[in-house]
Amino acid sequence: MLNLFLGLGIVIIGFFITIKSDWILKNLGATAWAEDKLGMYGGSRLLYQMLGVMIILLGFTIMFSLWQGMALSASRIFMRD
């Protein structure tokens, strides 16, 4: 039950980061790396939106208890039999 509420909270945070990316851009400013690599105008905004979507996906992963299987699969990449 804790995973459900924790995941839902993380999804809500990611949703607001995605929706309010313009507000975040005005308050935090543009990043030179994002403007250079992700586009001329709006690269930082795109970076904030991508960060929000990644947080939403992390929230759903935690909400539906998929993170344990993903961590196990990722650990098998680095560990050999």
N, C-alpha and C. Protein backbone atom coordinates (compact mmCIF):
# COMPACT_ATOMS: atom_id res chain seq x y z
N MET A 1 0.82 -1.19 0.00
CA MET A 1 0.00 0.00 0.00
C MET A 1 0.87 1.26 0.00
N LEU A 2 2.02 1.16 0.69
CA LEU A 2 2.93 2.30 0.71
C LEU A 2 3.47 2.59 -0.68
N ASN A 3 3.75 1.54 -1.46
CA ASN A 3 4.23 1.73 -2.83
C ASN A 3 3.22 2.50 -3.67
N LEU A 4 1.95 2.24 -3.46
CA LEU A 4 0.91 2.91 -4.22
C LEU A 4 0.92 4.41 -3.96
N PHE A 5 0.94 4.80 -2.69
CA PHE A 5 0.90 6.23 -2.36
C PHE A 5 2.22 6.93 -2.69
N LEU A 6 3.34 6.25 -2.46
CA LEU A 6 4.63 6.83 -2.81
C LEU A 6 4.74 7.02 -4.32
N GLY A 7 4.35 6.02 -5.08
CA GLY A 7 4.38 6.13 -6.53
C GLY A 7 3.44 7.20 -7.05
N LEU A 8 2.27 7.29 -6.45
CA LEU A 8 1.31 8.33 -6.86
C LEU A 8 1.85 9.72 -6.57
N GLY A 9 2.50 9.89 -5.45
CA GLY A 9 3.11 11.18 -5.13
C GLY A 9 4.21 11.54 -6.11
N ILE A 10 5.02 10.58 -6.49
CA ILE A 10 6.08 10.82 -7.46
C ILE A 10 5.50 11.14 -8.83
N VAL A 11 4.43 10.46 -9.21
CA VAL A 11 3.77 10.75 -10.49
C VAL A 11 3.22 12.17 -10.49
N ILE A 12 2.64 12.60 -9.40
CA ILE A 12 2.09 13.96 -9.32
C ILE A 12 3.21 15.00 -9.43
N ILE A 13 4.33 14.75 -8.76
CA ILE A 13 5.47 15.67 -8.85
C ILE A 13 5.97 15.74 -10.29
N GLY A 14 6.12 14.59 -10.94
CA GLY A 14 6.56 14.57 -12.34
C GLY A 14 5.58 15.26 -13.27
N PHE A 15 4.28 15.10 -12.98
CA PHE A 15 3.26 15.76 -13.78
C PHE A 15 3.39 17.28 -13.69
N PHE A 16 3.59 17.79 -12.49
CA PHE A 16 3.72 19.24 -12.33
C PHE A 16 5.03 19.76 -12.93
N ILE A 17 6.09 18.98 -12.87
CA ILE A 17 7.34 19.39 -13.52
C ILE A 17 7.13 19.47 -15.03
N THR A 18 6.40 18.51 -15.59
CA THR A 18 6.15 18.51 -17.02
C THR A 18 5.24 19.66 -17.43
N ILE A 19 4.19 19.88 -16.69
CA ILE A 19 3.23 20.92 -17.03
C ILE A 19 3.80 22.32 -16.79
N LYS A 20 4.52 22.49 -15.71
CA LYS A 20 5.04 23.81 -15.34
C LYS A 20 6.49 24.02 -15.78
N SER A 21 6.90 23.41 -16.88
CA SER A 21 8.29 23.53 -17.33
C SER A 21 8.64 24.97 -17.69
N ASP A 22 7.68 25.74 -18.18
CA ASP A 22 7.95 27.15 -18.50
C ASP A 22 8.22 27.95 -17.23
N TRP A 23 7.46 27.70 -16.18
CA TRP A 23 7.66 28.37 -14.91
C TRP A 23 9.03 28.00 -14.32
N ILE A 24 9.39 26.72 -14.42
CA ILE A 24 10.69 26.26 -13.93
C ILE A 24 11.80 26.93 -14.72
N LEU A 25 11.62 27.05 -16.03
CA LEU A 25 12.61 27.70 -16.87
C LEU A 25 12.80 29.16 -16.48
N LYS A 26 11.71 29.85 -16.19
CA LYS A 26 11.81 31.26 -15.79
C LYS A 26 12.51 31.41 -14.44
N ASN A 27 12.31 30.48 -13.52
CA ASN A 27 12.89 30.59 -12.19
C ASN A 27 14.31 30.05 -12.10
N LEU A 28 14.61 28.95 -12.80
CA LEU A 28 15.93 28.35 -12.72
C LEU A 28 16.84 28.80 -13.85
N GLY A 29 16.26 29.23 -14.92
CA GLY A 29 17.06 29.68 -16.06
C GLY A 29 17.38 28.55 -17.02
N ALA A 30 18.00 28.94 -18.12
CA ALA A 30 18.35 27.98 -19.17
C ALA A 30 19.69 27.34 -18.85
N THR A 31 19.87 26.13 -19.31
CA THR A 31 21.15 25.44 -19.17
C THR A 31 21.84 25.43 -20.53
N ALA A 32 23.12 25.75 -20.52
CA ALA A 32 23.86 25.85 -21.77
C ALA A 32 23.93 24.50 -22.48
N TRP A 33 24.10 23.42 -21.71
CA TRP A 33 24.19 22.10 -22.33
C TRP A 33 22.90 21.75 -23.07
N ALA A 34 21.75 22.00 -22.43
CA ALA A 34 20.47 21.67 -23.06
C ALA A 34 20.22 22.52 -24.29
N GLU A 35 20.57 23.78 -24.24
CA GLU A 35 20.37 24.65 -25.39
C GLU A 35 21.27 24.22 -26.55
N ASP A 36 22.46 23.74 -26.24
CA ASP A 36 23.39 23.32 -27.28
C ASP A 36 22.99 21.97 -27.88
N LYS A 37 22.61 21.03 -27.03
CA LYS A 37 22.37 19.66 -27.50
C LYS A 37 20.93 19.38 -27.91
N LEU A 38 19.97 20.10 -27.33
CA LEU A 38 18.56 19.76 -27.56
C LEU A 38 17.81 20.76 -28.44
N GLY A 39 18.48 21.79 -28.92
CA GLY A 39 17.79 22.71 -29.81
C GLY A 39 18.18 24.15 -29.55
N MET A 40 17.87 25.00 -30.50
CA MET A 40 18.25 26.41 -30.39
C MET A 40 17.44 27.11 -29.30
N TYR A 41 16.13 27.11 -29.42
CA TYR A 41 15.28 27.75 -28.44
C TYR A 41 14.36 26.69 -27.86
N GLY A 42 14.33 26.56 -26.58
CA GLY A 42 13.47 25.59 -25.94
C GLY A 42 14.17 24.32 -25.54
N GLY A 43 15.48 24.27 -25.66
CA GLY A 43 16.20 23.07 -25.27
C GLY A 43 16.11 22.82 -23.77
N SER A 44 16.19 23.89 -22.99
CA SER A 44 16.07 23.74 -21.53
C SER A 44 14.65 23.33 -21.15
N ARG A 45 13.69 23.90 -21.83
CA ARG A 45 12.30 23.54 -21.56
C ARG A 45 12.06 22.06 -21.88
N LEU A 46 12.63 21.61 -22.98
CA LEU A 46 12.53 20.20 -23.35
C LEU A 46 13.22 19.32 -22.32
N LEU A 47 14.36 19.76 -21.80
CA LEU A 47 15.06 19.01 -20.77
C LEU A 47 14.20 18.87 -19.52
N TYR A 48 13.56 19.96 -19.09
CA TYR A 48 12.68 19.90 -17.92
C TYR A 48 11.48 18.99 -18.16
N GLN A 49 10.93 19.02 -19.36
CA GLN A 49 9.80 18.15 -19.68
C GLN A 49 10.23 16.68 -19.73
N MET A 50 11.40 16.41 -20.28
CA MET A 50 11.89 15.03 -20.31
C MET A 50 12.18 14.54 -18.90
N LEU A 51 12.70 15.41 -18.05
CA LEU A 51 12.93 15.05 -16.65
C LEU A 51 11.60 14.72 -15.96
N GLY A 52 10.56 15.51 -16.23
CA GLY A 52 9.25 15.24 -15.66
C GLY A 52 8.67 13.91 -16.11
N VAL A 53 8.82 13.60 -17.38
CA VAL A 53 8.31 12.33 -17.90
C VAL A 53 9.07 11.16 -17.29
N MET A 54 10.38 11.32 -17.13
CA MET A 54 11.17 10.25 -16.51
C MET A 54 10.75 10.04 -15.06
N ILE A 55 10.44 11.13 -14.35
CA ILE A 55 9.96 11.01 -12.97
C ILE A 55 8.60 10.34 -12.94
N ILE A 56 7.73 10.65 -13.90
CA ILE A 56 6.42 9.98 -13.98
C ILE A 56 6.61 8.48 -14.20
N LEU A 57 7.50 8.10 -15.10
CA LEU A 57 7.74 6.68 -15.34
C LEU A 57 8.31 5.99 -14.11
N LEU A 58 9.18 6.68 -13.39
CA LEU A 58 9.71 6.14 -12.13
C LEU A 58 8.59 5.95 -11.12
N GLY A 59 7.67 6.91 -11.05
CA GLY A 59 6.54 6.80 -10.14
C GLY A 59 5.64 5.62 -10.46
N PHE A 60 5.36 5.40 -11.75
CA PHE A 60 4.55 4.24 -12.12
C PHE A 60 5.29 2.94 -11.82
N THR A 61 6.60 2.95 -12.01
CA THR A 61 7.39 1.76 -11.71
C THR A 61 7.31 1.42 -10.23
N ILE A 62 7.40 2.43 -9.39
CA ILE A 62 7.29 2.20 -7.95
C ILE A 62 5.86 1.84 -7.57
N MET A 63 4.89 2.49 -8.18
CA MET A 63 3.49 2.26 -7.84
C MET A 63 3.07 0.82 -8.10
N PHE A 64 3.53 0.26 -9.20
CA PHE A 64 3.12 -1.10 -9.55
C PHE A 64 4.17 -2.15 -9.19
N SER A 65 5.12 -1.76 -8.35
CA SER A 65 6.17 -2.66 -7.83
C SER A 65 6.96 -3.33 -8.95
N LEU A 66 7.27 -2.59 -9.98
CA LEU A 66 8.07 -3.13 -11.07
C LEU A 66 9.55 -2.84 -10.88
N TRP A 67 9.91 -2.00 -9.92
CA TRP A 67 11.30 -1.60 -9.75
C TRP A 67 12.18 -2.75 -9.29
N GLN A 68 11.61 -3.72 -8.56
CA GLN A 68 12.41 -4.84 -8.08
C GLN A 68 12.86 -5.71 -9.25
N GLY A 69 11.96 -6.00 -10.16
CA GLY A 69 12.31 -6.79 -11.33
C GLY A 69 13.27 -6.06 -12.25
N MET A 70 13.09 -4.74 -12.38
CA MET A 70 14.00 -3.96 -13.21
C MET A 70 15.38 -3.91 -12.60
N ALA A 71 15.47 -3.77 -11.29
CA ALA A 71 16.78 -3.74 -10.62
C ALA A 71 17.47 -5.09 -10.74
N LEU A 72 16.70 -6.16 -10.63
CA LEU A 72 17.28 -7.49 -10.78
C LEU A 72 17.78 -7.71 -12.20
N SER A 73 17.03 -7.29 -13.18
CA SER A 73 17.45 -7.43 -14.57
C SER A 73 18.68 -6.58 -14.86
N ALA A 74 18.71 -5.37 -14.31
CA ALA A 74 19.87 -4.51 -14.52
C ALA A 74 21.11 -5.07 -13.84
N SER A 75 20.93 -5.70 -12.70
CA SER A 75 22.09 -6.26 -12.00
C SER A 75 22.65 -7.47 -12.74
N ARG A 76 21.81 -8.18 -13.48
CA ARG A 76 22.29 -9.34 -14.24
C ARG A 76 23.17 -8.93 -15.40
N ILE A 77 23.02 -7.70 -15.85
CA ILE A 77 23.87 -7.21 -16.94
C ILE A 77 25.31 -7.15 -16.47
N PHE A 78 25.51 -6.71 -15.22
CA PHE A 78 26.85 -6.52 -14.71
C PHE A 78 27.43 -7.74 -14.02
N MET A 79 26.60 -8.70 -13.69
CA MET A 79 27.07 -9.90 -13.00
C MET A 79 27.06 -11.07 -13.98
N ARG A 80 28.13 -11.80 -14.01
CA ARG A 80 28.21 -12.96 -14.89
C ARG A 80 28.10 -14.24 -14.06
N ASP A 81 27.59 -15.28 -14.68
CA ASP A 81 27.45 -16.56 -14.00
C ASP A 81 28.77 -17.29 -13.92
